[in-house]
Amino acid sequence: MNEPEVKVNPNIRRIEIGVRELKKVKVYPLSAAYTVSLAKKVGGILMDFFGTKLKSFEEEEVNKQVANLFASIIENNLEEMIENAIDLQEIEAVTVNEVLCDMSTEQLVEICEIIYEVNYKALVSKIIGLLPKEGTTLDEMGLTMKASPTKDSLPSSADDTELIN
């Protein structure tokens, strides 16, 4: 009997880790459930960042600030992310700390870069794309409203509509 062909996720990355002896490890994409869980955890951080800390709309500065924000999120949730991105049994580890103790800083950075690229890079690009450019007026962003509509400001389909004053 032929077994069905198993397709491997193309976002799974393979790297080698180890301080003394190298072990091959797969870095898996984070699940949507974990990503949502993480988003709930850091929602307050994001609101604070976009509400008060993002002072400049200069594209280069925004890119740095958003990248720093995501680096901070990764750092503050590193152990949990490693646990979700690496199969500990596959490398015969019992705890995330055991994995971290047998990993160089360079290898850890490589894993963090993979987690960022696979799970967050597209999101960061979309967030940056949504931010207005420097000098953009509220009117250009479609965020202004007139106090009350005039007949000229209504769509043509509303010509027969009576305005309430």
N, C-alpha and C. Protein backbone atom coordinates (compact mmCIF):
# COMPACT_ATOMS: atom_id res chain seq x y z
N MET A 1 0.82 -1.18 0.00
CA MET A 1 0.00 0.00 0.00
C MET A 1 0.87 1.25 0.00
N ASN A 2 0.50 2.20 -0.80
CA ASN A 2 1.25 3.46 -0.84
C ASN A 2 0.75 4.39 0.25
N GLU A 3 1.67 4.92 1.02
CA GLU A 3 1.30 5.89 2.04
C GLU A 3 1.20 7.26 1.39
N PRO A 4 0.27 8.11 1.89
CA PRO A 4 0.15 9.45 1.30
C PRO A 4 1.44 10.24 1.50
N GLU A 5 1.73 11.04 0.50
CA GLU A 5 2.94 11.87 0.56
C GLU A 5 2.76 12.96 1.62
N VAL A 6 3.74 13.11 2.46
CA VAL A 6 3.71 14.12 3.50
C VAL A 6 4.46 15.34 3.00
N LYS A 7 3.80 16.48 3.05
CA LYS A 7 4.46 17.73 2.64
C LYS A 7 5.05 18.40 3.87
N VAL A 8 6.28 18.82 3.75
CA VAL A 8 6.97 19.49 4.85
C VAL A 8 6.81 21.00 4.68
N ASN A 9 6.53 21.66 5.79
CA ASN A 9 6.37 23.11 5.77
C ASN A 9 7.66 23.76 5.28
N PRO A 10 7.57 24.58 4.22
CA PRO A 10 8.80 25.21 3.69
C PRO A 10 9.39 26.26 4.63
N ASN A 11 8.63 26.66 5.66
CA ASN A 11 9.14 27.65 6.61
C ASN A 11 9.96 27.04 7.73
N ILE A 12 10.06 25.71 7.76
CA ILE A 12 10.91 25.06 8.77
C ILE A 12 12.35 25.25 8.35
N ARG A 13 13.16 25.77 9.26
CA ARG A 13 14.58 26.01 8.98
C ARG A 13 15.41 25.02 9.79
N ARG A 14 16.51 24.62 9.22
CA ARG A 14 17.41 23.71 9.92
C ARG A 14 18.73 24.43 10.21
N ILE A 15 19.14 24.36 11.46
CA ILE A 15 20.42 24.97 11.85
C ILE A 15 21.15 24.00 12.78
N GLU A 16 22.39 24.32 13.05
CA GLU A 16 23.16 23.54 14.01
C GLU A 16 23.40 24.38 15.25
N ILE A 17 23.21 23.75 16.41
CA ILE A 17 23.47 24.44 17.67
C ILE A 17 24.36 23.56 18.53
N GLY A 18 25.04 24.19 19.46
CA GLY A 18 25.88 23.47 20.41
C GLY A 18 27.14 24.25 20.70
N VAL A 19 27.55 24.22 21.95
CA VAL A 19 28.77 24.92 22.35
C VAL A 19 29.98 24.05 22.05
N ARG A 20 29.88 22.75 22.35
CA ARG A 20 31.00 21.83 22.11
C ARG A 20 30.73 20.90 20.94
N GLU A 21 29.57 20.28 20.94
CA GLU A 21 29.19 19.37 19.86
C GLU A 21 27.96 19.93 19.17
N LEU A 22 28.01 19.96 17.86
CA LEU A 22 26.89 20.51 17.10
C LEU A 22 25.79 19.48 16.93
N LYS A 23 24.55 19.95 17.10
CA LYS A 23 23.36 19.13 16.87
C LYS A 23 22.50 19.85 15.86
N LYS A 24 21.94 19.08 14.93
CA LYS A 24 21.01 19.69 13.98
C LYS A 24 19.66 19.85 14.66
N VAL A 25 19.08 21.01 14.49
CA VAL A 25 17.79 21.30 15.08
C VAL A 25 16.92 21.99 14.04
N LYS A 26 15.63 21.70 14.10
CA LYS A 26 14.67 22.36 13.21
C LYS A 26 14.03 23.50 13.99
N VAL A 27 13.92 24.65 13.35
CA VAL A 27 13.22 25.79 13.93
C VAL A 27 11.90 25.88 13.18
N TYR A 28 10.82 25.60 13.91
CA TYR A 28 9.49 25.57 13.32
C TYR A 28 8.84 26.95 13.39
N PRO A 29 7.94 27.24 12.44
CA PRO A 29 7.17 28.50 12.55
C PRO A 29 6.30 28.43 13.81
N LEU A 30 6.04 29.58 14.39
CA LEU A 30 5.16 29.62 15.55
C LEU A 30 3.72 29.40 15.08
N SER A 31 2.95 28.69 15.88
CA SER A 31 1.55 28.43 15.51
C SER A 31 0.73 29.72 15.63
N ALA A 32 -0.38 29.75 14.94
CA ALA A 32 -1.28 30.90 15.03
C ALA A 32 -1.78 31.06 16.46
N ALA A 33 -2.07 29.94 17.13
CA ALA A 33 -2.55 30.00 18.52
C ALA A 33 -1.51 30.65 19.42
N TYR A 34 -0.24 30.27 19.26
CA TYR A 34 0.81 30.87 20.08
C TYR A 34 1.01 32.33 19.71
N THR A 35 0.95 32.63 18.41
CA THR A 35 1.12 34.01 17.97
C THR A 35 0.03 34.90 18.57
N VAL A 36 -1.22 34.39 18.60
CA VAL A 36 -2.33 35.14 19.20
C VAL A 36 -2.09 35.31 20.70
N SER A 37 -1.65 34.23 21.35
CA SER A 37 -1.35 34.29 22.78
C SER A 37 -0.28 35.35 23.06
N LEU A 38 0.76 35.35 22.25
CA LEU A 38 1.83 36.33 22.42
C LEU A 38 1.31 37.74 22.15
N ALA A 39 0.46 37.88 21.14
CA ALA A 39 -0.10 39.20 20.82
C ALA A 39 -0.91 39.74 22.00
N LYS A 40 -1.65 38.87 22.66
CA LYS A 40 -2.42 39.31 23.84
C LYS A 40 -1.49 39.79 24.94
N LYS A 41 -0.37 39.05 25.11
CA LYS A 41 0.60 39.42 26.15
C LYS A 41 1.21 40.79 25.89
N VAL A 42 1.52 41.05 24.65
CA VAL A 42 2.26 42.27 24.34
C VAL A 42 1.36 43.38 23.80
N GLY A 43 0.06 43.14 23.81
CA GLY A 43 -0.87 44.16 23.31
C GLY A 43 -0.69 45.50 23.99
N GLY A 44 -0.52 45.47 25.31
CA GLY A 44 -0.31 46.72 26.06
C GLY A 44 0.96 47.43 25.65
N ILE A 45 2.00 46.65 25.40
CA ILE A 45 3.28 47.22 24.96
C ILE A 45 3.08 47.92 23.61
N LEU A 46 2.36 47.26 22.70
CA LEU A 46 2.13 47.84 21.38
C LEU A 46 1.30 49.12 21.48
N MET A 47 0.25 49.09 22.32
CA MET A 47 -0.59 50.29 22.47
C MET A 47 0.23 51.44 23.02
N ASP A 48 1.07 51.17 24.01
CA ASP A 48 1.92 52.20 24.59
C ASP A 48 2.89 52.72 23.55
N PHE A 49 3.49 51.82 22.80
CA PHE A 49 4.49 52.19 21.80
C PHE A 49 3.87 53.10 20.73
N PHE A 50 2.76 52.65 20.14
CA PHE A 50 2.17 53.42 19.06
C PHE A 50 1.42 54.65 19.57
N GLY A 51 0.99 54.60 20.84
CA GLY A 51 0.25 55.73 21.38
C GLY A 51 1.12 56.86 21.88
N THR A 52 2.28 56.53 22.46
CA THR A 52 3.08 57.59 23.08
C THR A 52 4.54 57.62 22.67
N LYS A 53 5.11 56.49 22.35
CA LYS A 53 6.56 56.45 22.11
C LYS A 53 6.95 56.72 20.68
N LEU A 54 6.05 56.51 19.75
CA LEU A 54 6.37 56.71 18.35
C LEU A 54 6.20 58.20 18.04
N LYS A 55 7.28 58.93 18.13
CA LYS A 55 7.23 60.38 17.98
C LYS A 55 7.47 60.83 16.55
N SER A 56 8.21 60.08 15.80
CA SER A 56 8.64 60.51 14.47
C SER A 56 7.97 59.67 13.40
N PHE A 57 7.60 60.32 12.33
CA PHE A 57 7.04 59.58 11.20
C PHE A 57 8.08 59.43 10.09
N GLU A 58 9.33 59.80 10.37
CA GLU A 58 10.37 59.62 9.37
C GLU A 58 10.57 58.12 9.19
N GLU A 59 10.52 57.66 7.93
CA GLU A 59 10.51 56.23 7.64
C GLU A 59 11.68 55.47 8.27
N GLU A 60 12.87 56.02 8.17
CA GLU A 60 14.05 55.34 8.71
C GLU A 60 13.94 55.17 10.23
N GLU A 61 13.49 56.20 10.91
CA GLU A 61 13.35 56.15 12.36
C GLU A 61 12.23 55.20 12.76
N VAL A 62 11.12 55.20 12.03
CA VAL A 62 10.02 54.28 12.31
C VAL A 62 10.50 52.85 12.17
N ASN A 63 11.24 52.56 11.12
CA ASN A 63 11.77 51.20 10.91
C ASN A 63 12.61 50.76 12.10
N LYS A 64 13.47 51.65 12.60
CA LYS A 64 14.32 51.32 13.75
C LYS A 64 13.47 51.08 15.00
N GLN A 65 12.50 51.96 15.23
CA GLN A 65 11.67 51.85 16.43
C GLN A 65 10.84 50.57 16.41
N VAL A 66 10.26 50.25 15.28
CA VAL A 66 9.45 49.03 15.18
C VAL A 66 10.33 47.79 15.31
N ALA A 67 11.49 47.79 14.68
CA ALA A 67 12.42 46.66 14.79
C ALA A 67 12.86 46.49 16.25
N ASN A 68 13.16 47.59 16.93
CA ASN A 68 13.55 47.52 18.35
C ASN A 68 12.42 46.98 19.21
N LEU A 69 11.19 47.38 18.89
CA LEU A 69 10.04 46.89 19.64
C LEU A 69 9.94 45.37 19.51
N PHE A 70 10.03 44.86 18.29
CA PHE A 70 9.92 43.42 18.10
C PHE A 70 11.11 42.68 18.69
N ALA A 71 12.29 43.27 18.67
CA ALA A 71 13.45 42.66 19.32
C ALA A 71 13.21 42.55 20.82
N SER A 72 12.61 43.57 21.41
CA SER A 72 12.29 43.58 22.83
C SER A 72 11.26 42.50 23.16
N ILE A 73 10.26 42.37 22.31
CA ILE A 73 9.23 41.35 22.52
C ILE A 73 9.85 39.96 22.48
N ILE A 74 10.73 39.73 21.52
CA ILE A 74 11.41 38.43 21.42
C ILE A 74 12.25 38.18 22.67
N GLU A 75 13.02 39.19 23.08
CA GLU A 75 13.89 39.03 24.25
C GLU A 75 13.08 38.70 25.51
N ASN A 76 11.96 39.40 25.71
CA ASN A 76 11.15 39.20 26.91
C ASN A 76 10.37 37.89 26.90
N ASN A 77 10.26 37.27 25.75
CA ASN A 77 9.50 36.02 25.64
C ASN A 77 10.36 34.91 25.05
N LEU A 78 11.67 35.04 25.19
CA LEU A 78 12.61 34.15 24.53
C LEU A 78 12.40 32.68 24.88
N GLU A 79 12.35 32.36 26.17
CA GLU A 79 12.24 30.96 26.56
C GLU A 79 10.97 30.33 26.01
N GLU A 80 9.88 31.04 26.10
CA GLU A 80 8.61 30.52 25.59
C GLU A 80 8.65 30.36 24.07
N MET A 81 9.28 31.31 23.38
CA MET A 81 9.40 31.21 21.93
C MET A 81 10.25 30.01 21.53
N ILE A 82 11.37 29.81 22.22
CA ILE A 82 12.24 28.67 21.92
C ILE A 82 11.46 27.37 22.12
N GLU A 83 10.72 27.32 23.21
CA GLU A 83 9.93 26.11 23.50
C GLU A 83 8.90 25.84 22.39
N ASN A 84 8.35 26.90 21.81
CA ASN A 84 7.36 26.75 20.74
C ASN A 84 7.99 26.56 19.37
N ALA A 85 9.22 26.98 19.19
CA ALA A 85 9.86 26.92 17.87
C ALA A 85 10.75 25.70 17.67
N ILE A 86 11.18 25.08 18.77
CA ILE A 86 12.09 23.93 18.68
C ILE A 86 11.46 22.75 19.41
N ASP A 87 11.54 21.58 18.82
CA ASP A 87 11.08 20.35 19.46
C ASP A 87 12.20 19.87 20.38
N LEU A 88 12.01 20.06 21.69
CA LEU A 88 13.06 19.71 22.66
C LEU A 88 13.40 18.22 22.62
N GLN A 89 12.40 17.37 22.41
CA GLN A 89 12.65 15.93 22.37
C GLN A 89 13.54 15.55 21.19
N GLU A 90 13.40 16.29 20.10
CA GLU A 90 14.19 16.01 18.90
C GLU A 90 15.69 16.15 19.18
N ILE A 91 16.05 17.04 20.09
CA ILE A 91 17.47 17.22 20.41
C ILE A 91 17.79 16.68 21.81
N GLU A 92 16.88 15.88 22.32
CA GLU A 92 17.06 15.20 23.61
C GLU A 92 17.33 16.18 24.75
N ALA A 93 16.56 17.25 24.76
CA ALA A 93 16.65 18.22 25.85
C ALA A 93 15.38 18.15 26.69
N VAL A 94 15.53 18.40 27.97
CA VAL A 94 14.38 18.35 28.87
C VAL A 94 13.77 19.74 29.06
N THR A 95 14.62 20.76 29.14
CA THR A 95 14.12 22.12 29.37
C THR A 95 14.72 23.09 28.34
N VAL A 96 14.06 24.23 28.21
CA VAL A 96 14.57 25.28 27.34
C VAL A 96 15.90 25.79 27.87
N ASN A 97 16.02 25.90 29.18
CA ASN A 97 17.27 26.37 29.77
C ASN A 97 18.43 25.44 29.38
N GLU A 98 18.17 24.14 29.32
CA GLU A 98 19.19 23.18 28.89
C GLU A 98 19.64 23.48 27.46
N VAL A 99 18.69 23.83 26.60
CA VAL A 99 19.02 24.18 25.22
C VAL A 99 19.83 25.46 25.19
N LEU A 100 19.40 26.47 25.96
CA LEU A 100 20.10 27.76 25.98
C LEU A 100 21.52 27.62 26.52
N CYS A 101 21.72 26.72 27.48
CA CYS A 101 23.05 26.50 28.05
C CYS A 101 24.00 25.83 27.06
N ASP A 102 23.43 25.14 26.08
CA ASP A 102 24.27 24.45 25.09
C ASP A 102 24.20 25.17 23.74
N MET A 103 24.08 26.48 23.80
CA MET A 103 23.95 27.27 22.58
C MET A 103 24.82 28.52 22.70
N SER A 104 25.51 28.86 21.63
CA SER A 104 26.29 30.09 21.65
C SER A 104 25.36 31.28 21.41
N THR A 105 25.84 32.44 21.75
CA THR A 105 25.06 33.66 21.52
C THR A 105 24.76 33.83 20.04
N GLU A 106 25.74 33.54 19.22
CA GLU A 106 25.56 33.65 17.77
C GLU A 106 24.44 32.72 17.28
N GLN A 107 24.38 31.51 17.82
CA GLN A 107 23.34 30.56 17.45
C GLN A 107 21.97 31.03 17.93
N LEU A 108 21.93 31.62 19.13
CA LEU A 108 20.68 32.16 19.66
C LEU A 108 20.17 33.30 18.78
N VAL A 109 21.08 34.17 18.37
CA VAL A 109 20.71 35.27 17.49
C VAL A 109 20.16 34.73 16.18
N GLU A 110 20.79 33.67 15.66
CA GLU A 110 20.32 33.07 14.41
C GLU A 110 18.89 32.53 14.57
N ILE A 111 18.60 31.89 15.69
CA ILE A 111 17.24 31.39 15.94
C ILE A 111 16.26 32.55 16.05
N CYS A 112 16.65 33.60 16.76
CA CYS A 112 15.77 34.78 16.89
C CYS A 112 15.51 35.42 15.52
N GLU A 113 16.54 35.47 14.69
CA GLU A 113 16.36 36.02 13.34
C GLU A 113 15.38 35.18 12.53
N ILE A 114 15.49 33.87 12.67
CA ILE A 114 14.56 32.97 11.97
C ILE A 114 13.14 33.19 12.48
N ILE A 115 12.97 33.24 13.79
CA ILE A 115 11.64 33.47 14.37
C ILE A 115 11.07 34.79 13.85
N TYR A 116 11.90 35.83 13.82
CA TYR A 116 11.45 37.14 13.32
C TYR A 116 11.08 37.06 11.84
N GLU A 117 11.97 36.51 11.03
CA GLU A 117 11.74 36.46 9.58
C GLU A 117 10.50 35.66 9.22
N VAL A 118 10.34 34.50 9.83
CA VAL A 118 9.24 33.61 9.48
C VAL A 118 7.91 34.09 10.05
N ASN A 119 7.92 34.67 11.25
CA ASN A 119 6.67 34.96 11.94
C ASN A 119 6.29 36.44 12.01
N TYR A 120 7.25 37.35 11.94
CA TYR A 120 6.95 38.75 12.20
C TYR A 120 7.34 39.73 11.10
N LYS A 121 8.26 39.38 10.24
CA LYS A 121 8.78 40.33 9.25
C LYS A 121 7.68 40.90 8.37
N ALA A 122 6.82 40.05 7.84
CA ALA A 122 5.72 40.53 6.98
C ALA A 122 4.78 41.43 7.77
N LEU A 123 4.52 41.07 9.03
CA LEU A 123 3.65 41.88 9.88
C LEU A 123 4.24 43.27 10.12
N VAL A 124 5.53 43.31 10.42
CA VAL A 124 6.21 44.60 10.64
C VAL A 124 6.12 45.46 9.39
N SER A 125 6.35 44.86 8.22
CA SER A 125 6.27 45.61 6.96
C SER A 125 4.88 46.19 6.76
N LYS A 126 3.86 45.40 7.08
CA LYS A 126 2.48 45.88 6.92
C LYS A 126 2.18 47.01 7.90
N ILE A 127 2.65 46.88 9.14
CA ILE A 127 2.43 47.93 10.14
C ILE A 127 3.09 49.22 9.68
N ILE A 128 4.34 49.12 9.22
CA ILE A 128 5.05 50.31 8.74
C ILE A 128 4.32 50.93 7.56
N GLY A 129 3.80 50.09 6.67
CA GLY A 129 3.06 50.58 5.51
C GLY A 129 1.78 51.31 5.88
N LEU A 130 1.22 50.99 7.04
CA LEU A 130 -0.01 51.65 7.49
C LEU A 130 0.24 53.01 8.13
N LEU A 131 1.47 53.23 8.57
CA LEU A 131 1.79 54.49 9.24
C LEU A 131 1.88 55.61 8.22
N PRO A 132 1.37 56.77 8.57
CA PRO A 132 1.44 57.91 7.64
C PRO A 132 2.87 58.42 7.51
N LYS A 133 3.17 58.95 6.37
CA LYS A 133 4.49 59.55 6.13
C LYS A 133 4.53 60.93 6.77
N GLU A 134 5.72 61.42 7.05
CA GLU A 134 5.90 62.73 7.66
C GLU A 134 5.25 63.79 6.78
N GLY A 135 4.53 64.68 7.40
CA GLY A 135 3.90 65.78 6.68
C GLY A 135 2.51 65.44 6.16
N THR A 136 2.05 64.21 6.37
CA THR A 136 0.72 63.83 5.93
C THR A 136 -0.31 64.49 6.84
N THR A 137 -1.29 65.13 6.24
CA THR A 137 -2.32 65.79 7.05
C THR A 137 -3.40 64.78 7.42
N LEU A 138 -4.17 65.12 8.46
CA LEU A 138 -5.28 64.26 8.86
C LEU A 138 -6.28 64.10 7.72
N ASP A 139 -6.49 65.19 6.99
CA ASP A 139 -7.44 65.16 5.88
C ASP A 139 -6.97 64.17 4.81
N GLU A 140 -5.66 64.15 4.52
CA GLU A 140 -5.11 63.22 3.53
C GLU A 140 -5.23 61.76 3.99
N MET A 141 -5.24 61.55 5.31
CA MET A 141 -5.38 60.20 5.84
C MET A 141 -6.85 59.80 5.95
N GLY A 142 -7.75 60.74 5.65
CA GLY A 142 -9.17 60.44 5.74
C GLY A 142 -9.67 60.42 7.17
N LEU A 143 -9.01 61.16 8.05
CA LEU A 143 -9.38 61.14 9.46
C LEU A 143 -10.14 62.37 9.92
N THR A 144 -10.47 63.27 9.03
CA THR A 144 -11.20 64.45 9.45
C THR A 144 -12.66 64.29 9.04
N MET A 145 -13.51 64.87 9.84
CA MET A 145 -14.94 64.86 9.53
C MET A 145 -15.46 66.28 9.65
N LYS A 146 -16.40 66.61 8.82
CA LYS A 146 -17.02 67.92 8.92
C LYS A 146 -18.04 67.86 10.06
N ALA A 147 -18.30 68.99 10.67
CA ALA A 147 -19.22 69.03 11.80
C ALA A 147 -20.59 68.51 11.40
N SER A 148 -21.08 68.92 10.27
CA SER A 148 -22.35 68.39 9.78
C SER A 148 -22.27 68.34 8.26
N PRO A 149 -22.88 67.35 7.65
CA PRO A 149 -22.77 67.21 6.21
C PRO A 149 -23.53 68.31 5.48
N THR A 150 -23.03 68.67 4.34
CA THR A 150 -23.76 69.59 3.46
C THR A 150 -24.23 68.77 2.28
N LYS A 151 -25.13 69.33 1.51
CA LYS A 151 -25.64 68.59 0.36
C LYS A 151 -24.49 68.24 -0.60
N ASP A 152 -23.46 69.12 -0.70
CA ASP A 152 -22.32 68.87 -1.58
C ASP A 152 -21.42 67.74 -1.08
N SER A 153 -21.41 67.49 0.24
CA SER A 153 -20.51 66.48 0.78
C SER A 153 -21.11 65.07 0.75
N LEU A 154 -22.39 64.95 0.41
CA LEU A 154 -23.04 63.65 0.36
C LEU A 154 -22.87 63.01 -1.00
N PRO A 155 -22.90 61.67 -1.07
CA PRO A 155 -22.82 61.02 -2.37
C PRO A 155 -24.03 61.36 -3.23
N SER A 156 -23.87 61.25 -4.55
CA SER A 156 -24.95 61.62 -5.46
C SER A 156 -26.21 60.81 -5.21
N SER A 157 -26.08 59.60 -4.70
CA SER A 157 -27.25 58.77 -4.42
C SER A 157 -28.09 59.34 -3.29
N ALA A 158 -27.57 60.31 -2.56
CA ALA A 158 -28.29 60.91 -1.45
C ALA A 158 -28.96 62.21 -1.84
N ASP A 159 -29.02 62.53 -3.13
CA ASP A 159 -29.62 63.79 -3.57
C ASP A 159 -31.03 63.99 -3.08
N ASP A 160 -31.81 62.94 -2.99
CA ASP A 160 -33.21 63.07 -2.57
C ASP A 160 -33.36 62.94 -1.06
N THR A 161 -32.25 62.81 -0.33
CA THR A 161 -32.31 62.64 1.11
C THR A 161 -32.42 64.01 1.77
N GLU A 162 -33.31 64.09 2.74
CA GLU A 162 -33.49 65.35 3.46
C GLU A 162 -32.49 65.43 4.60
N LEU A 163 -31.79 66.54 4.70
CA LEU A 163 -30.83 66.73 5.78
C LEU A 163 -31.56 67.16 7.04
N ILE A 164 -31.14 66.60 8.16
CA ILE A 164 -31.74 66.96 9.44
C ILE A 164 -30.84 67.98 10.09
N ASN A 165 -31.38 69.12 10.44
CA ASN A 165 -30.59 70.17 11.10
C ASN A 165 -31.13 70.45 12.46
